[in-house]
Amino acid sequence: MHTGRFLPSTVLSLIIGITGVSSNLWAAPSQVQDTSRHLYDRVMEEFKHRDYEAALAGFRLFLELHGQTSLAANAQYWVGECQYRMGRYKDALKAFYNVVSYYPLSPKLAASTLKIGQTYTKLKDQEKARMMFERVVDQYPDSPEAEVARKALEIEAEKFEAEKPESSPIPTE
């Protein structure tokens, strides 16, 4: 029976196969960073090829192996993006909220907040979507995400105006 803290050989083989390097448990910090970057880049290739299921599995593995590295917030964001692209909106929301909650200094905060708004739009919760778009505009006013959020707010305002019943003029006679 396996009772130690060693990885079973099948799991270790899987890690070596995915990362292309042997276990980094005993590696120097710079080697860990190189390994994490290598895995991250390989998983991003899956995403770029629109294999979202494989990318999702890869980013989750990345977070398990390298959850304390500087790329962890990015990987968490891409978990959400994979879920979003596969139409798993509630799972996507959780992933994007994890970026906002657990990585407060991440450069992915504006993008995650915007994606939360876009995900609420997909879930037809316009009130929460509007709140998130406004948050992006308020907190990241000069970002590309703020421009996208402003456009989303404009579209929502136009829809609201179009849906308002027109008031009929009061008869003068």
N, C-alpha and C. Protein backbone atom coordinates (compact mmCIF):
# COMPACT_ATOMS: atom_id res chain seq x y z
N MET A 1 0.85 -1.19 0.00
CA MET A 1 0.00 0.00 0.00
C MET A 1 0.88 1.23 0.00
N HIS A 2 0.47 2.23 -0.75
CA HIS A 2 1.24 3.46 -0.88
C HIS A 2 0.85 4.42 0.24
N THR A 3 1.75 4.63 1.21
CA THR A 3 1.43 5.50 2.33
C THR A 3 2.35 6.70 2.42
N GLY A 4 3.42 6.73 1.68
CA GLY A 4 4.36 7.85 1.74
C GLY A 4 3.87 9.06 0.98
N ARG A 5 4.68 10.07 0.94
CA ARG A 5 4.32 11.30 0.24
C ARG A 5 4.90 11.33 -1.17
N PHE A 6 5.38 10.21 -1.65
CA PHE A 6 5.94 10.15 -2.99
C PHE A 6 4.82 10.00 -4.00
N LEU A 7 5.03 10.55 -5.18
CA LEU A 7 4.05 10.42 -6.24
C LEU A 7 4.12 9.04 -6.84
N PRO A 8 2.97 8.40 -7.08
CA PRO A 8 3.01 7.12 -7.78
C PRO A 8 3.67 7.31 -9.14
N SER A 9 4.32 6.27 -9.62
CA SER A 9 5.07 6.40 -10.87
C SER A 9 4.19 6.80 -12.04
N THR A 10 2.92 6.39 -12.07
CA THR A 10 2.05 6.77 -13.18
C THR A 10 1.77 8.27 -13.18
N VAL A 11 1.56 8.83 -11.99
CA VAL A 11 1.33 10.27 -11.91
C VAL A 11 2.59 11.03 -12.28
N LEU A 12 3.72 10.57 -11.79
CA LEU A 12 4.99 11.21 -12.12
C LEU A 12 5.24 11.15 -13.62
N SER A 13 4.95 10.01 -14.24
CA SER A 13 5.12 9.88 -15.68
C SER A 13 4.22 10.87 -16.43
N LEU A 14 3.00 11.03 -15.95
CA LEU A 14 2.08 11.98 -16.56
C LEU A 14 2.63 13.40 -16.47
N ILE A 15 3.14 13.78 -15.31
CA ILE A 15 3.71 15.11 -15.14
C ILE A 15 4.90 15.30 -16.06
N ILE A 16 5.77 14.31 -16.14
CA ILE A 16 6.94 14.41 -17.01
C ILE A 16 6.50 14.53 -18.46
N GLY A 17 5.48 13.76 -18.85
CA GLY A 17 4.99 13.81 -20.22
C GLY A 17 4.38 15.15 -20.57
N ILE A 18 3.64 15.75 -19.65
CA ILE A 18 2.98 17.03 -19.93
C ILE A 18 3.97 18.18 -19.89
N THR A 19 4.83 18.17 -18.88
CA THR A 19 5.73 19.31 -18.73
C THR A 19 7.00 19.18 -19.56
N GLY A 20 7.35 17.97 -19.93
CA GLY A 20 8.56 17.75 -20.71
C GLY A 20 9.82 17.76 -19.86
N VAL A 21 9.67 17.81 -18.57
CA VAL A 21 10.84 17.79 -17.68
C VAL A 21 10.54 16.85 -16.53
N SER A 22 11.58 16.41 -15.87
CA SER A 22 11.38 15.55 -14.71
C SER A 22 10.84 16.38 -13.55
N SER A 23 10.39 15.71 -12.54
CA SER A 23 9.75 16.37 -11.41
C SER A 23 10.59 17.54 -10.91
N ASN A 24 9.92 18.64 -10.63
CA ASN A 24 10.63 19.83 -10.16
C ASN A 24 10.55 19.98 -8.65
N LEU A 25 10.21 18.89 -7.96
CA LEU A 25 10.09 18.96 -6.51
C LEU A 25 11.40 19.35 -5.84
N TRP A 26 12.52 19.02 -6.48
CA TRP A 26 13.82 19.31 -5.89
C TRP A 26 14.57 20.38 -6.67
N ALA A 27 13.87 21.07 -7.54
CA ALA A 27 14.50 22.04 -8.42
C ALA A 27 14.72 23.37 -7.72
N ALA A 28 15.71 24.10 -8.21
CA ALA A 28 15.96 25.44 -7.72
C ALA A 28 14.82 26.35 -8.19
N PRO A 29 14.57 27.49 -7.52
CA PRO A 29 13.47 28.37 -7.90
C PRO A 29 13.48 28.78 -9.38
N SER A 30 14.65 29.04 -9.94
CA SER A 30 14.68 29.44 -11.35
C SER A 30 14.26 28.28 -12.25
N GLN A 31 14.58 27.05 -11.85
CA GLN A 31 14.16 25.89 -12.64
C GLN A 31 12.64 25.70 -12.53
N VAL A 32 12.09 25.95 -11.36
CA VAL A 32 10.63 25.87 -11.19
C VAL A 32 9.96 26.89 -12.08
N GLN A 33 10.50 28.11 -12.12
CA GLN A 33 9.93 29.15 -12.96
C GLN A 33 10.00 28.75 -14.43
N ASP A 34 11.14 28.20 -14.86
CA ASP A 34 11.26 27.74 -16.24
C ASP A 34 10.25 26.64 -16.54
N THR A 35 10.10 25.71 -15.61
CA THR A 35 9.16 24.61 -15.78
C THR A 35 7.73 25.13 -15.84
N SER A 36 7.39 26.06 -14.96
CA SER A 36 6.03 26.59 -14.96
C SER A 36 5.75 27.35 -16.25
N ARG A 37 6.70 28.12 -16.72
CA ARG A 37 6.52 28.85 -17.98
C ARG A 37 6.36 27.89 -19.15
N HIS A 38 7.14 26.84 -19.14
CA HIS A 38 7.07 25.85 -20.22
C HIS A 38 5.68 25.20 -20.26
N LEU A 39 5.20 24.76 -19.11
CA LEU A 39 3.87 24.15 -19.05
C LEU A 39 2.79 25.16 -19.45
N TYR A 40 2.88 26.37 -18.92
CA TYR A 40 1.90 27.41 -19.23
C TYR A 40 1.84 27.67 -20.74
N ASP A 41 3.00 27.79 -21.35
CA ASP A 41 3.05 28.04 -22.80
C ASP A 41 2.46 26.88 -23.59
N ARG A 42 2.74 25.67 -23.16
CA ARG A 42 2.18 24.50 -23.86
C ARG A 42 0.66 24.47 -23.74
N VAL A 43 0.15 24.80 -22.58
CA VAL A 43 -1.30 24.80 -22.39
C VAL A 43 -1.94 25.94 -23.19
N MET A 44 -1.27 27.08 -23.26
CA MET A 44 -1.79 28.19 -24.06
C MET A 44 -1.90 27.79 -25.54
N GLU A 45 -1.00 26.96 -26.00
CA GLU A 45 -1.08 26.48 -27.38
C GLU A 45 -2.37 25.69 -27.60
N GLU A 46 -2.75 24.89 -26.62
CA GLU A 46 -4.02 24.15 -26.71
C GLU A 46 -5.18 25.14 -26.81
N PHE A 47 -5.13 26.17 -26.00
CA PHE A 47 -6.20 27.18 -26.02
C PHE A 47 -6.25 27.87 -27.39
N LYS A 48 -5.09 28.26 -27.89
CA LYS A 48 -5.03 28.95 -29.19
C LYS A 48 -5.56 28.07 -30.32
N HIS A 49 -5.42 26.75 -30.16
CA HIS A 49 -5.95 25.82 -31.16
C HIS A 49 -7.41 25.46 -30.88
N ARG A 50 -8.01 26.17 -29.96
CA ARG A 50 -9.42 26.03 -29.59
C ARG A 50 -9.77 24.65 -29.03
N ASP A 51 -8.79 24.00 -28.46
CA ASP A 51 -9.05 22.75 -27.75
C ASP A 51 -9.26 23.13 -26.28
N TYR A 52 -10.45 23.65 -26.01
CA TYR A 52 -10.73 24.22 -24.69
C TYR A 52 -10.78 23.16 -23.60
N GLU A 53 -11.22 21.97 -23.92
CA GLU A 53 -11.26 20.89 -22.94
C GLU A 53 -9.83 20.55 -22.50
N ALA A 54 -8.92 20.39 -23.46
CA ALA A 54 -7.52 20.09 -23.13
C ALA A 54 -6.87 21.26 -22.40
N ALA A 55 -7.15 22.46 -22.85
CA ALA A 55 -6.58 23.65 -22.19
C ALA A 55 -7.08 23.76 -20.76
N LEU A 56 -8.36 23.51 -20.56
CA LEU A 56 -8.93 23.55 -19.21
C LEU A 56 -8.21 22.57 -18.29
N ALA A 57 -8.04 21.34 -18.76
CA ALA A 57 -7.32 20.34 -17.97
C ALA A 57 -5.88 20.78 -17.71
N GLY A 58 -5.25 21.36 -18.71
CA GLY A 58 -3.88 21.83 -18.56
C GLY A 58 -3.74 22.97 -17.57
N PHE A 59 -4.66 23.93 -17.63
CA PHE A 59 -4.58 25.05 -16.69
C PHE A 59 -4.87 24.58 -15.26
N ARG A 60 -5.77 23.63 -15.13
CA ARG A 60 -6.03 23.09 -13.79
C ARG A 60 -4.79 22.37 -13.25
N LEU A 61 -4.15 21.59 -14.11
CA LEU A 61 -2.91 20.92 -13.70
C LEU A 61 -1.85 21.96 -13.34
N PHE A 62 -1.76 22.99 -14.15
CA PHE A 62 -0.80 24.06 -13.88
C PHE A 62 -1.02 24.63 -12.48
N LEU A 63 -2.29 24.91 -12.15
CA LEU A 63 -2.59 25.48 -10.84
C LEU A 63 -2.24 24.52 -9.71
N GLU A 64 -2.42 23.22 -9.94
CA GLU A 64 -2.03 22.24 -8.92
C GLU A 64 -0.52 22.22 -8.71
N LEU A 65 0.21 22.27 -9.81
CA LEU A 65 1.67 22.16 -9.73
C LEU A 65 2.36 23.48 -9.44
N HIS A 66 1.80 24.57 -9.94
CA HIS A 66 2.48 25.86 -9.87
C HIS A 66 1.56 26.97 -9.37
N GLY A 67 0.69 26.64 -8.44
CA GLY A 67 -0.30 27.58 -7.92
C GLY A 67 0.28 28.77 -7.17
N GLN A 68 1.56 28.70 -6.84
CA GLN A 68 2.18 29.81 -6.11
C GLN A 68 3.11 30.65 -6.99
N THR A 69 3.11 30.39 -8.27
CA THR A 69 3.99 31.14 -9.17
C THR A 69 3.30 32.39 -9.67
N SER A 70 4.07 33.23 -10.33
CA SER A 70 3.53 34.50 -10.85
C SER A 70 2.51 34.29 -11.97
N LEU A 71 2.46 33.12 -12.56
CA LEU A 71 1.50 32.85 -13.64
C LEU A 71 0.19 32.25 -13.15
N ALA A 72 0.06 32.03 -11.85
CA ALA A 72 -1.14 31.37 -11.31
C ALA A 72 -2.41 32.18 -11.60
N ALA A 73 -2.37 33.48 -11.42
CA ALA A 73 -3.57 34.30 -11.68
C ALA A 73 -3.97 34.21 -13.16
N ASN A 74 -2.98 34.24 -14.03
CA ASN A 74 -3.27 34.11 -15.46
C ASN A 74 -3.92 32.76 -15.76
N ALA A 75 -3.36 31.70 -15.18
CA ALA A 75 -3.91 30.37 -15.40
C ALA A 75 -5.35 30.30 -14.90
N GLN A 76 -5.61 30.91 -13.75
CA GLN A 76 -6.97 30.92 -13.22
C GLN A 76 -7.91 31.66 -14.17
N TYR A 77 -7.44 32.78 -14.72
CA TYR A 77 -8.24 33.52 -15.70
C TYR A 77 -8.57 32.63 -16.91
N TRP A 78 -7.57 31.91 -17.40
CA TRP A 78 -7.77 31.08 -18.59
C TRP A 78 -8.66 29.88 -18.30
N VAL A 79 -8.68 29.40 -17.06
CA VAL A 79 -9.66 28.38 -16.67
C VAL A 79 -11.07 28.95 -16.93
N GLY A 80 -11.28 30.18 -16.48
CA GLY A 80 -12.58 30.82 -16.71
C GLY A 80 -12.88 31.02 -18.18
N GLU A 81 -11.88 31.43 -18.92
CA GLU A 81 -12.07 31.66 -20.36
C GLU A 81 -12.42 30.36 -21.08
N CYS A 82 -11.79 29.26 -20.71
CA CYS A 82 -12.13 27.95 -21.30
C CYS A 82 -13.58 27.61 -20.99
N GLN A 83 -13.96 27.76 -19.74
CA GLN A 83 -15.34 27.46 -19.33
C GLN A 83 -16.32 28.33 -20.10
N TYR A 84 -16.01 29.60 -20.22
CA TYR A 84 -16.87 30.55 -20.93
C TYR A 84 -17.04 30.12 -22.39
N ARG A 85 -15.95 29.79 -23.03
CA ARG A 85 -16.00 29.42 -24.44
C ARG A 85 -16.74 28.11 -24.68
N MET A 86 -16.81 27.27 -23.64
CA MET A 86 -17.55 26.02 -23.76
C MET A 86 -19.00 26.18 -23.32
N GLY A 87 -19.39 27.40 -22.95
CA GLY A 87 -20.77 27.65 -22.55
C GLY A 87 -21.10 27.25 -21.12
N ARG A 88 -20.09 27.00 -20.33
CA ARG A 88 -20.27 26.64 -18.92
C ARG A 88 -20.17 27.91 -18.08
N TYR A 89 -21.21 28.72 -18.17
CA TYR A 89 -21.14 30.07 -17.63
C TYR A 89 -21.04 30.13 -16.11
N LYS A 90 -21.73 29.26 -15.41
CA LYS A 90 -21.64 29.30 -13.94
C LYS A 90 -20.24 28.91 -13.47
N ASP A 91 -19.64 27.93 -14.13
CA ASP A 91 -18.26 27.56 -13.79
C ASP A 91 -17.29 28.69 -14.15
N ALA A 92 -17.56 29.34 -15.27
CA ALA A 92 -16.73 30.47 -15.69
C ALA A 92 -16.79 31.59 -14.64
N LEU A 93 -17.99 31.88 -14.16
CA LEU A 93 -18.14 32.92 -13.13
C LEU A 93 -17.26 32.61 -11.93
N LYS A 94 -17.30 31.37 -11.46
CA LYS A 94 -16.49 30.99 -10.30
C LYS A 94 -15.00 31.23 -10.56
N ALA A 95 -14.56 30.85 -11.75
CA ALA A 95 -13.14 31.01 -12.08
C ALA A 95 -12.74 32.48 -12.13
N PHE A 96 -13.57 33.31 -12.76
CA PHE A 96 -13.24 34.74 -12.85
C PHE A 96 -13.31 35.40 -11.46
N TYR A 97 -14.29 35.01 -10.66
CA TYR A 97 -14.35 35.54 -9.30
C TYR A 97 -13.13 35.11 -8.48
N ASN A 98 -12.60 33.91 -8.75
CA ASN A 98 -11.38 33.46 -8.05
C ASN A 98 -10.21 34.38 -8.36
N VAL A 99 -10.10 34.84 -9.58
CA VAL A 99 -9.02 35.78 -9.92
C VAL A 99 -9.17 37.04 -9.09
N VAL A 100 -10.39 37.59 -9.07
CA VAL A 100 -10.65 38.84 -8.35
C VAL A 100 -10.42 38.66 -6.84
N SER A 101 -10.83 37.51 -6.32
CA SER A 101 -10.76 37.27 -4.87
C SER A 101 -9.36 36.91 -4.38
N TYR A 102 -8.67 36.05 -5.13
CA TYR A 102 -7.41 35.49 -4.63
C TYR A 102 -6.15 36.13 -5.19
N TYR A 103 -6.30 36.95 -6.23
CA TYR A 103 -5.12 37.57 -6.85
C TYR A 103 -5.37 39.08 -7.00
N PRO A 104 -5.45 39.80 -5.89
CA PRO A 104 -5.83 41.22 -5.94
C PRO A 104 -4.83 42.13 -6.65
N LEU A 105 -3.63 41.65 -6.89
CA LEU A 105 -2.63 42.47 -7.58
C LEU A 105 -2.40 42.00 -9.02
N SER A 106 -3.24 41.11 -9.48
CA SER A 106 -3.06 40.52 -10.80
C SER A 106 -3.32 41.52 -11.91
N PRO A 107 -2.53 41.44 -12.98
CA PRO A 107 -2.83 42.26 -14.15
C PRO A 107 -4.10 41.78 -14.87
N LYS A 108 -4.67 40.66 -14.45
CA LYS A 108 -5.89 40.12 -15.05
C LYS A 108 -7.16 40.59 -14.34
N LEU A 109 -7.05 41.54 -13.41
CA LEU A 109 -8.24 41.98 -12.67
C LEU A 109 -9.26 42.66 -13.58
N ALA A 110 -8.83 43.57 -14.42
CA ALA A 110 -9.76 44.26 -15.31
C ALA A 110 -10.42 43.27 -16.27
N ALA A 111 -9.61 42.38 -16.83
CA ALA A 111 -10.15 41.39 -17.77
C ALA A 111 -11.12 40.45 -17.06
N SER A 112 -10.80 40.04 -15.85
CA SER A 112 -11.68 39.13 -15.11
C SER A 112 -13.00 39.81 -14.75
N THR A 113 -12.92 41.05 -14.33
CA THR A 113 -14.14 41.79 -13.99
C THR A 113 -15.02 41.99 -15.22
N LEU A 114 -14.40 42.32 -16.35
CA LEU A 114 -15.14 42.44 -17.61
C LEU A 114 -15.80 41.11 -17.96
N LYS A 115 -15.06 40.01 -17.85
CA LYS A 115 -15.61 38.70 -18.20
C LYS A 115 -16.75 38.31 -17.26
N ILE A 116 -16.68 38.73 -16.00
CA ILE A 116 -17.79 38.48 -15.08
C ILE A 116 -19.04 39.17 -15.63
N GLY A 117 -18.89 40.42 -16.06
CA GLY A 117 -20.02 41.14 -16.65
C GLY A 117 -20.54 40.45 -17.89
N GLN A 118 -19.65 40.03 -18.77
CA GLN A 118 -20.06 39.36 -20.00
C GLN A 118 -20.74 38.01 -19.69
N THR A 119 -20.27 37.35 -18.67
CA THR A 119 -20.87 36.07 -18.28
C THR A 119 -22.26 36.29 -17.72
N TYR A 120 -22.43 37.32 -16.90
CA TYR A 120 -23.78 37.64 -16.41
C TYR A 120 -24.71 37.99 -17.57
N THR A 121 -24.19 38.63 -18.60
CA THR A 121 -25.00 38.91 -19.78
C THR A 121 -25.47 37.60 -20.41
N LYS A 122 -24.57 36.64 -20.54
CA LYS A 122 -24.93 35.33 -21.10
C LYS A 122 -25.97 34.63 -20.23
N LEU A 123 -25.89 34.85 -18.92
CA LEU A 123 -26.84 34.24 -17.99
C LEU A 123 -28.13 35.07 -17.86
N LYS A 124 -28.22 36.13 -18.65
CA LYS A 124 -29.39 37.00 -18.70
C LYS A 124 -29.67 37.70 -17.36
N ASP A 125 -28.61 38.00 -16.63
CA ASP A 125 -28.73 38.78 -15.40
C ASP A 125 -28.16 40.17 -15.70
N GLN A 126 -29.00 40.99 -16.34
CA GLN A 126 -28.55 42.30 -16.83
C GLN A 126 -28.13 43.24 -15.71
N GLU A 127 -28.78 43.15 -14.56
CA GLU A 127 -28.44 44.04 -13.45
C GLU A 127 -27.02 43.78 -12.96
N LYS A 128 -26.68 42.52 -12.74
CA LYS A 128 -25.31 42.20 -12.29
C LYS A 128 -24.29 42.50 -13.38
N ALA A 129 -24.67 42.25 -14.63
CA ALA A 129 -23.77 42.55 -15.75
C ALA A 129 -23.46 44.04 -15.76
N ARG A 130 -24.50 44.85 -15.65
CA ARG A 130 -24.32 46.31 -15.66
C ARG A 130 -23.41 46.75 -14.51
N MET A 131 -23.63 46.19 -13.33
CA MET A 131 -22.79 46.55 -12.17
C MET A 131 -21.32 46.22 -12.44
N MET A 132 -21.06 45.08 -13.05
CA MET A 132 -19.67 44.70 -13.32
C MET A 132 -19.06 45.58 -14.40
N PHE A 133 -19.83 45.91 -15.44
CA PHE A 133 -19.31 46.80 -16.48
C PHE A 133 -19.00 48.17 -15.89
N GLU A 134 -19.88 48.66 -15.02
CA GLU A 134 -19.62 49.95 -14.37
C GLU A 134 -18.37 49.88 -13.50
N ARG A 135 -18.17 48.76 -12.84
CA ARG A 135 -16.98 48.59 -12.00
C ARG A 135 -15.72 48.66 -12.85
N VAL A 136 -15.73 48.03 -14.01
CA VAL A 136 -14.57 48.06 -14.91
C VAL A 136 -14.28 49.50 -15.31
N VAL A 137 -15.32 50.23 -15.70
CA VAL A 137 -15.15 51.62 -16.13
C VAL A 137 -14.62 52.49 -14.98
N ASP A 138 -15.16 52.27 -13.78
CA ASP A 138 -14.74 53.07 -12.62
C ASP A 138 -13.33 52.74 -12.14
N GLN A 139 -13.00 51.45 -12.08
CA GLN A 139 -11.73 51.04 -11.48
C GLN A 139 -10.57 51.00 -12.48
N TYR A 140 -10.88 50.82 -13.76
CA TYR A 140 -9.83 50.70 -14.78
C TYR A 140 -10.18 51.60 -15.98
N PRO A 141 -10.39 52.88 -15.75
CA PRO A 141 -10.95 53.76 -16.78
C PRO A 141 -10.15 53.86 -18.08
N ASP A 142 -8.85 53.70 -18.01
CA ASP A 142 -8.02 53.86 -19.21
C ASP A 142 -7.65 52.53 -19.86
N SER A 143 -8.23 51.45 -19.40
CA SER A 143 -7.88 50.13 -19.92
C SER A 143 -8.69 49.79 -21.17
N PRO A 144 -8.17 48.88 -21.97
CA PRO A 144 -8.96 48.40 -23.12
C PRO A 144 -10.27 47.75 -22.66
N GLU A 145 -10.23 47.12 -21.49
CA GLU A 145 -11.44 46.48 -20.96
C GLU A 145 -12.52 47.52 -20.65
N ALA A 146 -12.11 48.70 -20.19
CA ALA A 146 -13.08 49.76 -19.91
C ALA A 146 -13.80 50.19 -21.18
N GLU A 147 -13.08 50.23 -22.28
CA GLU A 147 -13.71 50.60 -23.56
C GLU A 147 -14.77 49.56 -23.95
N VAL A 148 -14.45 48.28 -23.79
CA VAL A 148 -15.41 47.22 -24.08
C VAL A 148 -16.62 47.33 -23.14
N ALA A 149 -16.35 47.61 -21.87
CA ALA A 149 -17.43 47.75 -20.88
C ALA A 149 -18.33 48.95 -21.22
N ARG A 150 -17.73 50.05 -21.64
CA ARG A 150 -18.53 51.22 -22.03
C ARG A 150 -19.47 50.88 -23.19
N LYS A 151 -18.95 50.15 -24.17
CA LYS A 151 -19.78 49.75 -25.31
C LYS A 151 -20.90 48.84 -24.87
N ALA A 152 -20.61 47.92 -23.95
CA ALA A 152 -21.65 47.02 -23.44
C ALA A 152 -22.73 47.81 -22.70
N LEU A 153 -22.31 48.82 -21.94
CA LEU A 153 -23.28 49.67 -21.24
C LEU A 153 -24.13 50.47 -22.22
N GLU A 154 -23.51 50.96 -23.29
CA GLU A 154 -24.25 51.70 -24.32
C GLU A 154 -25.28 50.80 -24.99
N ILE A 155 -24.89 49.59 -25.33
CA ILE A 155 -25.81 48.65 -25.99
C ILE A 155 -26.98 48.34 -25.06
N GLU A 156 -26.68 48.13 -23.79
CA GLU A 156 -27.74 47.84 -22.82
C GLU A 156 -28.69 49.04 -22.68
N ALA A 157 -28.14 50.26 -22.67
CA ALA A 157 -28.98 51.46 -22.57
C ALA A 157 -29.87 51.60 -23.81
N GLU A 158 -29.31 51.29 -24.98
CA GLU A 158 -30.10 51.36 -26.22
C GLU A 158 -31.23 50.34 -26.20
N LYS A 159 -30.95 49.12 -25.71
CA LYS A 159 -31.98 48.09 -25.61
C LYS A 159 -33.08 48.55 -24.66
N PHE A 160 -32.69 49.13 -23.55
CA PHE A 160 -33.65 49.60 -22.55
C PHE A 160 -34.55 50.68 -23.16
N GLU A 161 -33.95 51.61 -23.88
CA GLU A 161 -34.73 52.68 -24.52
C GLU A 161 -35.69 52.12 -25.57
N ALA A 162 -35.22 51.15 -26.33
CA ALA A 162 -36.05 50.56 -27.39
C ALA A 162 -37.23 49.78 -26.80
N GLU A 163 -37.06 49.24 -25.61
CA GLU A 163 -38.12 48.44 -24.99
C GLU A 163 -39.13 49.28 -24.23
N LYS A 164 -38.81 50.55 -23.96
CA LYS A 164 -39.74 51.41 -23.23
C LYS A 164 -40.97 51.67 -24.09
N PRO A 165 -42.15 51.55 -23.49
CA PRO A 165 -43.34 51.87 -24.28
C PRO A 165 -43.39 53.37 -24.55
N GLU A 166 -43.76 53.69 -25.77
CA GLU A 166 -43.84 55.10 -26.11
C GLU A 166 -45.08 55.70 -25.47
N SER A 167 -44.94 56.88 -24.94
CA SER A 167 -46.10 57.53 -24.34
C SER A 167 -46.92 58.18 -25.45
N SER A 168 -48.20 58.00 -25.34
CA SER A 168 -49.06 58.59 -26.37
C SER A 168 -49.35 60.03 -26.02
N PRO A 169 -49.44 60.85 -27.05
CA PRO A 169 -49.71 62.25 -26.77
C PRO A 169 -51.11 62.43 -26.18
N ILE A 170 -51.24 63.43 -25.36
CA ILE A 170 -52.53 63.73 -24.75
C ILE A 170 -53.40 64.43 -25.79
N PRO A 171 -54.60 63.90 -25.97
CA PRO A 171 -55.47 64.55 -26.94
C PRO A 171 -55.81 65.97 -26.53
N THR A 172 -55.84 66.87 -27.46
CA THR A 172 -56.12 68.29 -27.14
C THR A 172 -57.60 68.61 -27.23
N GLU A 173 -58.39 67.80 -27.74
CA GLU A 173 -59.82 68.06 -27.90
C GLU A 173 -60.63 67.45 -26.83
